[in-house]
Amino acid sequence: MTSLGWCLVALPFVTVAYAYLGYPFILWVITRGKEWIVPPAPVAWPFISIVVPAYNEEGQIACTIQALLKQDYPLDRRQILILSDASSDRTDSIVSSFADRGVELMRMPERGGKTAAEN
């Protein structure tokens, strides 16, 4: 076998040996003797607003709101706002049924589209 053949046979073994032995060893040598800095305590959760534009979504809005309410985020730091773009179905009444759980409804007086509702 030629030297090129031996190189091609040895290359996968060298690569695996470097990945599992060589690189971790290099990292260990570099970090040995270094003093680790403890990160500061986490800051308070930021206040977030989740805005959901909706138009005639009575079939899906309840599931959407329930999924948002299940998120792991402090209730006092979260606002869920549903923008109803002059829905003509039961979307507004379904959203209003979640008012006791902190979900707010903002109804547009006339249909203007998603961008107008968000603005």
N, C-alpha and C. Protein backbone atom coordinates (compact mmCIF):
# COMPACT_ATOMS: atom_id res chain seq x y z
N MET A 1 0.85 -1.17 0.00
CA MET A 1 0.00 0.00 0.00
C MET A 1 0.90 1.24 0.00
N THR A 2 0.50 2.26 -0.71
CA THR A 2 1.30 3.48 -0.82
C THR A 2 1.11 4.34 0.43
N SER A 3 1.92 5.35 0.53
CA SER A 3 1.81 6.24 1.69
C SER A 3 0.49 7.00 1.68
N LEU A 4 -0.03 7.29 0.49
CA LEU A 4 -1.33 7.94 0.40
C LEU A 4 -2.42 7.01 0.95
N GLY A 5 -2.32 5.74 0.64
CA GLY A 5 -3.29 4.77 1.15
C GLY A 5 -3.27 4.69 2.66
N TRP A 6 -2.06 4.67 3.25
CA TRP A 6 -1.95 4.63 4.71
C TRP A 6 -2.54 5.90 5.34
N CYS A 7 -2.30 7.02 4.70
CA CYS A 7 -2.86 8.28 5.22
C CYS A 7 -4.39 8.23 5.21
N LEU A 8 -4.96 7.71 4.14
CA LEU A 8 -6.42 7.64 4.05
C LEU A 8 -7.01 6.65 5.05
N VAL A 9 -6.28 5.60 5.36
CA VAL A 9 -6.75 4.64 6.36
C VAL A 9 -6.60 5.23 7.77
N ALA A 10 -5.53 5.95 8.02
CA ALA A 10 -5.26 6.48 9.36
C ALA A 10 -6.07 7.73 9.67
N LEU A 11 -6.49 8.47 8.67
CA LEU A 11 -7.18 9.74 8.88
C LEU A 11 -8.44 9.61 9.76
N PRO A 12 -9.33 8.66 9.56
CA PRO A 12 -10.50 8.55 10.46
C PRO A 12 -10.10 8.26 11.91
N PHE A 13 -9.07 7.42 12.11
CA PHE A 13 -8.64 7.11 13.47
C PHE A 13 -8.03 8.33 14.15
N VAL A 14 -7.26 9.09 13.41
CA VAL A 14 -6.64 10.30 13.96
C VAL A 14 -7.72 11.33 14.29
N THR A 15 -8.71 11.46 13.43
CA THR A 15 -9.80 12.41 13.67
C THR A 15 -10.58 12.05 14.92
N VAL A 16 -10.92 10.80 15.08
CA VAL A 16 -11.66 10.36 16.26
C VAL A 16 -10.81 10.53 17.52
N ALA A 17 -9.54 10.18 17.45
CA ALA A 17 -8.66 10.32 18.60
C ALA A 17 -8.53 11.79 19.01
N TYR A 18 -8.42 12.69 18.03
CA TYR A 18 -8.33 14.11 18.34
C TYR A 18 -9.63 14.61 18.98
N ALA A 19 -10.78 14.20 18.43
CA ALA A 19 -12.06 14.68 18.93
C ALA A 19 -12.33 14.22 20.36
N TYR A 20 -11.97 12.99 20.68
CA TYR A 20 -12.30 12.44 21.99
C TYR A 20 -11.16 12.54 23.01
N LEU A 21 -9.93 12.68 22.55
CA LEU A 21 -8.80 12.74 23.48
C LEU A 21 -8.01 14.04 23.36
N GLY A 22 -7.62 14.39 22.16
CA GLY A 22 -6.75 15.54 21.95
C GLY A 22 -7.40 16.87 22.32
N TYR A 23 -8.57 17.16 21.80
CA TYR A 23 -9.23 18.43 22.05
C TYR A 23 -9.59 18.60 23.53
N PRO A 24 -10.20 17.60 24.18
CA PRO A 24 -10.46 17.77 25.62
C PRO A 24 -9.18 17.99 26.43
N PHE A 25 -8.10 17.31 26.04
CA PHE A 25 -6.82 17.50 26.74
C PHE A 25 -6.31 18.93 26.56
N ILE A 26 -6.41 19.45 25.36
CA ILE A 26 -5.97 20.83 25.10
C ILE A 26 -6.78 21.81 25.94
N LEU A 27 -8.10 21.61 26.00
CA LEU A 27 -8.94 22.49 26.81
C LEU A 27 -8.58 22.38 28.29
N TRP A 28 -8.31 21.19 28.76
CA TRP A 28 -7.94 21.01 30.15
C TRP A 28 -6.64 21.75 30.47
N VAL A 29 -5.65 21.68 29.56
CA VAL A 29 -4.37 22.35 29.77
C VAL A 29 -4.56 23.86 29.79
N ILE A 30 -5.38 24.37 28.88
CA ILE A 30 -5.59 25.82 28.80
C ILE A 30 -6.29 26.35 30.05
N THR A 31 -7.27 25.63 30.56
CA THR A 31 -8.05 26.13 31.69
C THR A 31 -7.47 25.77 33.05
N ARG A 32 -6.43 24.97 33.08
CA ARG A 32 -5.84 24.57 34.36
C ARG A 32 -5.23 25.78 35.04
N GLY A 33 -5.55 25.96 36.32
CA GLY A 33 -4.99 27.06 37.09
C GLY A 33 -5.72 28.37 36.92
N LYS A 34 -6.75 28.42 36.09
CA LYS A 34 -7.50 29.66 35.92
C LYS A 34 -8.55 29.78 37.00
N GLU A 35 -8.81 30.99 37.42
CA GLU A 35 -9.83 31.24 38.42
C GLU A 35 -11.16 31.48 37.72
N TRP A 36 -12.19 30.77 38.12
CA TRP A 36 -13.49 30.89 37.48
C TRP A 36 -14.27 32.04 38.10
N ILE A 37 -14.88 32.82 37.24
CA ILE A 37 -15.69 33.95 37.68
C ILE A 37 -17.13 33.49 37.79
N VAL A 38 -17.72 33.67 38.94
CA VAL A 38 -19.11 33.28 39.15
C VAL A 38 -20.00 34.37 38.55
N PRO A 39 -20.94 34.00 37.69
CA PRO A 39 -21.80 35.02 37.10
C PRO A 39 -22.69 35.67 38.16
N PRO A 40 -23.08 36.91 37.92
CA PRO A 40 -23.94 37.58 38.90
C PRO A 40 -25.30 36.91 38.99
N ALA A 41 -26.00 37.20 40.07
CA ALA A 41 -27.33 36.63 40.27
C ALA A 41 -28.24 37.06 39.11
N PRO A 42 -29.17 36.20 38.73
CA PRO A 42 -30.04 36.55 37.61
C PRO A 42 -30.89 37.77 37.92
N VAL A 43 -31.13 38.54 36.88
CA VAL A 43 -31.92 39.76 37.00
C VAL A 43 -33.40 39.37 37.01
N ALA A 44 -34.23 40.25 37.46
CA ALA A 44 -35.67 39.98 37.47
C ALA A 44 -36.17 39.76 36.05
N TRP A 45 -37.22 38.96 35.92
CA TRP A 45 -37.80 38.68 34.61
C TRP A 45 -38.31 39.99 33.99
N PRO A 46 -38.07 40.21 32.71
CA PRO A 46 -38.59 41.42 32.08
C PRO A 46 -40.10 41.30 31.85
N PHE A 47 -40.77 42.44 31.78
CA PHE A 47 -42.19 42.46 31.48
C PHE A 47 -42.36 42.25 29.98
N ILE A 48 -43.22 41.33 29.58
CA ILE A 48 -43.45 41.06 28.17
C ILE A 48 -44.92 41.20 27.84
N SER A 49 -45.19 41.57 26.61
CA SER A 49 -46.55 41.62 26.09
C SER A 49 -46.63 40.67 24.91
N ILE A 50 -47.58 39.76 24.98
CA ILE A 50 -47.81 38.82 23.88
C ILE A 50 -49.04 39.32 23.14
N VAL A 51 -48.83 39.72 21.90
CA VAL A 51 -49.91 40.31 21.11
C VAL A 51 -50.31 39.32 20.02
N VAL A 52 -51.61 38.99 19.99
CA VAL A 52 -52.12 38.02 19.02
C VAL A 52 -53.22 38.70 18.20
N PRO A 53 -52.92 39.07 16.94
CA PRO A 53 -53.99 39.60 16.08
C PRO A 53 -54.91 38.46 15.66
N ALA A 54 -56.22 38.72 15.66
CA ALA A 54 -57.18 37.67 15.33
C ALA A 54 -58.34 38.25 14.55
N TYR A 55 -58.78 37.50 13.56
CA TYR A 55 -59.98 37.86 12.80
C TYR A 55 -60.78 36.59 12.55
N ASN A 56 -61.95 36.51 13.13
CA ASN A 56 -62.84 35.35 12.99
C ASN A 56 -62.09 34.04 13.28
N GLU A 57 -61.56 33.93 14.46
CA GLU A 57 -60.76 32.77 14.87
C GLU A 57 -61.46 31.96 15.96
N GLU A 58 -62.78 31.92 15.97
CA GLU A 58 -63.48 31.24 17.06
C GLU A 58 -63.11 29.76 17.17
N GLY A 59 -62.69 29.15 16.10
CA GLY A 59 -62.33 27.73 16.15
C GLY A 59 -60.97 27.46 16.77
N GLN A 60 -60.10 28.49 16.81
CA GLN A 60 -58.73 28.25 17.28
C GLN A 60 -58.28 29.15 18.41
N ILE A 61 -59.00 30.23 18.67
CA ILE A 61 -58.50 31.22 19.64
C ILE A 61 -58.43 30.66 21.06
N ALA A 62 -59.37 29.80 21.44
CA ALA A 62 -59.35 29.23 22.79
C ALA A 62 -58.10 28.37 23.00
N CYS A 63 -57.78 27.54 22.04
CA CYS A 63 -56.57 26.70 22.14
C CYS A 63 -55.31 27.56 22.17
N THR A 64 -55.30 28.63 21.38
CA THR A 64 -54.15 29.53 21.36
C THR A 64 -53.95 30.18 22.72
N ILE A 65 -55.03 30.68 23.30
CA ILE A 65 -54.93 31.33 24.60
C ILE A 65 -54.52 30.33 25.68
N GLN A 66 -55.08 29.14 25.65
CA GLN A 66 -54.71 28.12 26.64
C GLN A 66 -53.23 27.76 26.53
N ALA A 67 -52.72 27.68 25.31
CA ALA A 67 -51.30 27.39 25.12
C ALA A 67 -50.43 28.52 25.67
N LEU A 68 -50.87 29.76 25.47
CA LEU A 68 -50.11 30.89 26.00
C LEU A 68 -50.14 30.92 27.53
N LEU A 69 -51.28 30.57 28.11
CA LEU A 69 -51.39 30.57 29.56
C LEU A 69 -50.57 29.46 30.21
N LYS A 70 -50.28 28.40 29.48
CA LYS A 70 -49.49 27.29 30.02
C LYS A 70 -47.99 27.58 30.02
N GLN A 71 -47.57 28.66 29.37
CA GLN A 71 -46.14 28.96 29.29
C GLN A 71 -45.57 29.24 30.67
N ASP A 72 -44.34 28.83 30.86
CA ASP A 72 -43.65 28.97 32.14
C ASP A 72 -43.03 30.37 32.21
N TYR A 73 -43.85 31.33 32.60
CA TYR A 73 -43.39 32.72 32.74
C TYR A 73 -44.20 33.34 33.87
N PRO A 74 -43.58 34.16 34.72
CA PRO A 74 -44.31 34.73 35.86
C PRO A 74 -45.56 35.51 35.40
N LEU A 75 -46.67 35.23 36.06
CA LEU A 75 -47.94 35.86 35.66
C LEU A 75 -47.91 37.37 35.82
N ASP A 76 -47.20 37.87 36.82
CA ASP A 76 -47.16 39.31 37.03
C ASP A 76 -46.22 40.03 36.07
N ARG A 77 -45.48 39.31 35.27
CA ARG A 77 -44.55 39.90 34.31
C ARG A 77 -44.99 39.66 32.87
N ARG A 78 -46.25 39.24 32.67
CA ARG A 78 -46.72 38.86 31.34
C ARG A 78 -48.08 39.50 31.07
N GLN A 79 -48.24 40.00 29.85
CA GLN A 79 -49.51 40.54 29.39
C GLN A 79 -49.88 39.81 28.11
N ILE A 80 -51.10 39.28 28.06
CA ILE A 80 -51.59 38.64 26.85
C ILE A 80 -52.69 39.52 26.29
N LEU A 81 -52.47 40.04 25.10
CA LEU A 81 -53.39 40.97 24.47
C LEU A 81 -53.85 40.39 23.14
N ILE A 82 -55.16 40.19 23.01
CA ILE A 82 -55.73 39.68 21.77
C ILE A 82 -56.33 40.87 21.02
N LEU A 83 -55.86 41.10 19.79
CA LEU A 83 -56.36 42.19 18.95
C LEU A 83 -57.40 41.63 18.00
N SER A 84 -58.65 41.90 18.28
CA SER A 84 -59.72 41.43 17.41
C SER A 84 -59.94 42.47 16.31
N ASP A 85 -59.74 42.07 15.09
CA ASP A 85 -59.86 42.97 13.94
C ASP A 85 -61.32 42.99 13.46
N ALA A 86 -62.21 43.49 14.33
CA ALA A 86 -63.65 43.59 14.03
C ALA A 86 -64.21 42.22 13.65
N SER A 87 -63.91 41.21 14.45
CA SER A 87 -64.39 39.85 14.17
C SER A 87 -65.91 39.82 14.20
N SER A 88 -66.49 39.04 13.29
CA SER A 88 -67.95 38.95 13.22
C SER A 88 -68.47 37.62 13.79
N ASP A 89 -67.59 36.80 14.33
CA ASP A 89 -68.02 35.54 14.93
C ASP A 89 -67.91 35.65 16.45
N ARG A 90 -67.75 34.55 17.15
CA ARG A 90 -67.70 34.52 18.61
C ARG A 90 -66.31 34.74 19.18
N THR A 91 -65.38 35.20 18.39
CA THR A 91 -64.00 35.38 18.86
C THR A 91 -63.95 36.28 20.08
N ASP A 92 -64.64 37.41 20.05
CA ASP A 92 -64.58 38.36 21.16
C ASP A 92 -65.14 37.77 22.45
N SER A 93 -66.24 37.04 22.37
CA SER A 93 -66.82 36.46 23.58
C SER A 93 -65.94 35.35 24.14
N ILE A 94 -65.28 34.59 23.27
CA ILE A 94 -64.37 33.54 23.74
C ILE A 94 -63.18 34.17 24.46
N VAL A 95 -62.62 35.23 23.87
CA VAL A 95 -61.49 35.91 24.51
C VAL A 95 -61.93 36.53 25.84
N SER A 96 -63.11 37.12 25.88
CA SER A 96 -63.62 37.73 27.12
C SER A 96 -63.79 36.70 28.23
N SER A 97 -64.03 35.46 27.88
CA SER A 97 -64.19 34.43 28.91
C SER A 97 -62.86 34.13 29.63
N PHE A 98 -61.74 34.55 29.06
CA PHE A 98 -60.43 34.35 29.68
C PHE A 98 -59.96 35.61 30.44
N ALA A 99 -60.83 36.62 30.57
CA ALA A 99 -60.44 37.87 31.22
C ALA A 99 -60.01 37.67 32.67
N ASP A 100 -60.64 36.72 33.36
CA ASP A 100 -60.28 36.47 34.76
C ASP A 100 -58.89 35.85 34.90
N ARG A 101 -58.31 35.39 33.81
CA ARG A 101 -56.97 34.79 33.85
C ARG A 101 -55.92 35.74 33.29
N GLY A 102 -56.30 37.02 33.11
CA GLY A 102 -55.33 38.03 32.69
C GLY A 102 -55.25 38.27 31.20
N VAL A 103 -56.16 37.74 30.43
CA VAL A 103 -56.15 37.94 28.97
C VAL A 103 -56.98 39.18 28.66
N GLU A 104 -56.39 40.09 27.90
CA GLU A 104 -57.07 41.34 27.55
C GLU A 104 -57.53 41.30 26.10
N LEU A 105 -58.66 41.93 25.84
CA LEU A 105 -59.21 42.01 24.49
C LEU A 105 -59.21 43.46 24.04
N MET A 106 -58.67 43.71 22.86
CA MET A 106 -58.75 45.02 22.24
C MET A 106 -59.43 44.82 20.89
N ARG A 107 -60.62 45.41 20.75
CA ARG A 107 -61.40 45.22 19.53
C ARG A 107 -61.26 46.46 18.65
N MET A 108 -60.91 46.23 17.38
CA MET A 108 -60.87 47.32 16.40
C MET A 108 -62.30 47.63 15.96
N PRO A 109 -62.64 48.91 15.81
CA PRO A 109 -64.01 49.24 15.45
C PRO A 109 -64.39 48.80 14.03
N GLU A 110 -63.44 48.78 13.14
CA GLU A 110 -63.72 48.32 11.77
C GLU A 110 -62.52 47.55 11.25
N ARG A 111 -62.78 46.71 10.29
CA ARG A 111 -61.74 45.83 9.73
C ARG A 111 -60.67 46.65 9.06
N GLY A 112 -59.42 46.44 9.49
CA GLY A 112 -58.32 47.19 8.90
C GLY A 112 -57.13 46.32 8.53
N GLY A 113 -57.18 45.05 8.90
CA GLY A 113 -56.06 44.16 8.60
C GLY A 113 -55.11 44.02 9.77
N LYS A 114 -54.20 43.07 9.64
CA LYS A 114 -53.27 42.73 10.72
C LYS A 114 -52.36 43.91 11.07
N THR A 115 -51.79 44.56 10.07
CA THR A 115 -50.86 45.65 10.33
C THR A 115 -51.54 46.81 11.04
N ALA A 116 -52.73 47.16 10.60
CA ALA A 116 -53.46 48.26 11.25
C ALA A 116 -53.79 47.90 12.70
N ALA A 117 -54.16 46.65 12.95
CA ALA A 117 -54.47 46.23 14.32
C ALA A 117 -53.23 46.29 15.19
N GLU A 118 -52.09 45.87 14.66
CA GLU A 118 -50.85 45.89 15.46
C GLU A 118 -50.40 47.32 15.72
N ASN A 119 -50.56 48.19 14.75
CA ASN A 119 -50.18 49.60 14.94
C ASN A 119 -51.09 50.26 15.95
